[in-house]
Amino acid sequence: QVQLVESGGGRVQPGGSLRLSCAASELNLNYYTVGWFRRAPGKEREGVSCVSAGAGDTYYADDVKGRFTISRDNAKNTVYLQMNTLEPADTAVYYCAATQDRCSWYLVKQQLFGSWGQGTQVTVSS
């Protein structure tokens, strides 16, 4: 089974930044839409962002728009989520996932992704 691996989580103060990475060992992410999701304590998993293969389409949830940026490094087979101006409400386990469908708000909202990582913890606290 394809495995995605997230990294880059940690603890940061409000207003700080983190960059999450999503890599795959047996999947060429260049040909897949990759999405980022998060599960906050006591809440259901929610969609954060996605980027289509070729980076032609991107989507951001309203509460991260303008603060988070999704990008690809095709040479490294890695997708990043740059998170700036972090808030305590961003505290969650962050997951990446892949699908061959095109990035869209519907895809993220319905979480229609077939391959998932194990998650990385992000804690925003003073």
Protein backbone atom coordinates (compact mmCIF):
# COMPACT_ATOMS: atom_id res chain seq x y z
CA GLN A 1 0.00 0.00 0.00
CA VAL A 2 1.24 3.45 -0.85
CA GLN A 3 2.49 5.31 2.16
CA LEU A 4 2.71 9.04 2.53
CA VAL A 5 4.92 10.48 5.24
CA GLU A 6 4.39 13.87 6.82
CA SER A 7 7.10 15.77 8.67
CA GLY A 8 7.84 19.25 9.94
CA GLY A 9 5.33 19.48 12.77
CA GLY A 10 6.21 20.82 16.18
CA ARG A 11 5.40 23.41 18.77
CA VAL A 12 5.41 27.10 17.88
CA GLN A 13 4.21 30.31 19.49
CA PRO A 14 1.23 32.22 18.09
CA GLY A 15 2.31 34.24 15.09
CA GLY A 16 5.06 31.77 14.25
CA SER A 17 5.60 29.63 11.16
CA LEU A 18 6.10 26.00 10.27
CA ARG A 19 6.58 24.16 7.00
CA LEU A 20 5.10 20.71 6.68
CA SER A 21 6.38 18.22 4.13
CA CYS A 22 4.61 15.30 2.50
CA ALA A 23 6.73 12.67 0.78
CA ALA A 24 5.93 9.31 -0.78
CA SER A 25 8.25 6.36 -1.18
CA GLU A 26 6.29 4.38 -3.77
CA LEU A 27 4.21 7.03 -5.46
CA ASN A 28 5.20 9.74 -7.90
CA LEU A 29 3.37 12.66 -6.33
CA ASN A 30 4.00 14.70 -9.48
CA TYR A 31 1.06 12.90 -11.07
CA TYR A 32 -1.32 13.24 -8.14
CA THR A 33 -3.40 15.88 -6.47
CA VAL A 34 -2.15 16.21 -2.91
CA GLY A 35 -4.26 17.53 -0.09
CA TRP A 36 -3.62 18.60 3.47
CA PHE A 37 -6.10 17.90 6.24
CA ARG A 38 -6.13 18.36 9.99
CA ARG A 39 -7.86 16.97 13.04
CA ALA A 40 -8.01 19.26 16.05
CA PRO A 41 -8.58 17.82 19.54
CA GLY A 42 -12.20 16.81 19.94
CA LYS A 43 -13.08 17.69 16.36
CA GLU A 44 -13.54 15.87 13.09
CA ARG A 45 -10.90 15.88 10.41
CA GLU A 46 -11.24 18.84 8.04
CA GLY A 47 -9.72 19.85 4.74
CA VAL A 48 -7.10 22.57 4.62
CA SER A 49 -5.69 22.78 1.11
CA CYS A 50 -4.93 20.90 -2.08
CA VAL A 51 -2.81 21.27 -5.19
CA SER A 52 -3.31 19.52 -8.49
CA ALA A 53 -0.63 17.66 -10.40
CA GLY A 54 1.34 20.34 -12.21
CA ALA A 55 0.27 22.87 -9.56
CA GLY A 56 -2.32 24.34 -11.91
CA ASP A 57 -5.14 24.30 -9.36
CA THR A 58 -5.03 25.06 -5.68
CA TYR A 59 -7.62 25.36 -2.95
CA TYR A 60 -7.50 26.78 0.57
CA ALA A 61 -10.05 26.61 3.32
CA ASP A 62 -11.29 30.06 4.32
CA ASP A 63 -9.68 30.03 7.75
CA VAL A 64 -6.18 29.44 6.33
CA LYS A 65 -6.41 31.52 3.16
CA GLY A 66 -3.69 34.16 3.11
CA ARG A 67 -1.70 32.41 5.85
CA PHE A 68 -0.96 28.96 4.37
CA THR A 69 0.68 28.18 1.03
CA ILE A 70 0.82 24.79 -0.66
CA SER A 71 3.60 24.05 -3.12
CA ARG A 72 5.45 21.25 -4.85
CA ASP A 73 9.07 20.29 -5.39
CA ASN A 74 8.86 17.78 -8.19
CA ALA A 75 12.55 16.94 -8.05
CA LYS A 76 12.13 15.89 -4.42
CA ASN A 77 8.73 14.25 -4.93
CA THR A 78 7.49 16.35 -2.03
CA VAL A 79 4.55 18.66 -1.36
CA TYR A 80 4.84 21.39 1.25
CA LEU A 81 2.43 23.36 3.37
CA GLN A 82 3.96 26.63 4.51
CA MET A 83 2.02 27.86 7.52
CA ASN A 84 2.50 31.46 8.63
CA THR A 85 0.88 33.58 11.30
CA LEU A 86 -0.14 30.47 13.17
CA GLU A 87 -2.94 30.66 15.71
CA PRO A 88 -3.86 28.39 18.61
CA ALA A 89 -6.87 27.27 16.55
CA ASP A 90 -4.41 25.74 14.06
CA THR A 91 -3.35 23.19 16.67
CA ALA A 92 -4.08 19.76 15.20
CA VAL A 93 -2.64 16.63 13.70
CA TYR A 94 -1.98 17.39 10.05
CA TYR A 95 -2.31 14.73 7.38
CA CYS A 96 -1.47 14.66 3.71
CA ALA A 97 -3.30 12.54 1.18
CA ALA A 98 -3.19 11.86 -2.55
CA THR A 99 -5.70 11.27 -5.32
CA GLN A 100 -5.73 11.31 -9.09
CA ASP A 101 -8.77 13.58 -9.22
CA ARG A 102 -8.37 17.30 -9.82
CA CYS A 103 -7.98 19.60 -6.82
CA SER A 104 -11.23 21.33 -5.88
CA TRP A 105 -13.14 22.52 -2.83
CA TYR A 106 -15.50 19.58 -3.26
CA LEU A 107 -12.69 17.06 -3.32
CA VAL A 108 -11.27 18.48 -0.10
CA LYS A 109 -14.61 18.92 1.65
CA GLN A 110 -15.64 15.35 0.85
CA GLN A 111 -12.08 14.10 1.58
CA LEU A 112 -12.08 11.99 -1.57
CA PHE A 113 -8.48 10.89 -1.26
CA GLY A 114 -7.27 7.30 -1.41
CA SER A 115 -3.80 7.35 0.15
CA TRP A 116 -3.13 8.93 3.53
CA GLY A 117 -0.19 9.56 5.80
CA GLN A 118 0.02 8.98 9.56
CA GLY A 119 0.02 12.65 10.47
CA THR A 120 2.29 15.15 12.16
CA GLN A 121 1.40 17.13 15.28
CA VAL A 122 1.29 20.93 15.15
CA THR A 123 0.86 22.75 18.44
CA VAL A 124 0.47 26.52 18.59
CA SER A 125 0.78 27.74 22.13
CA SER A 126 2.47 30.41 24.17
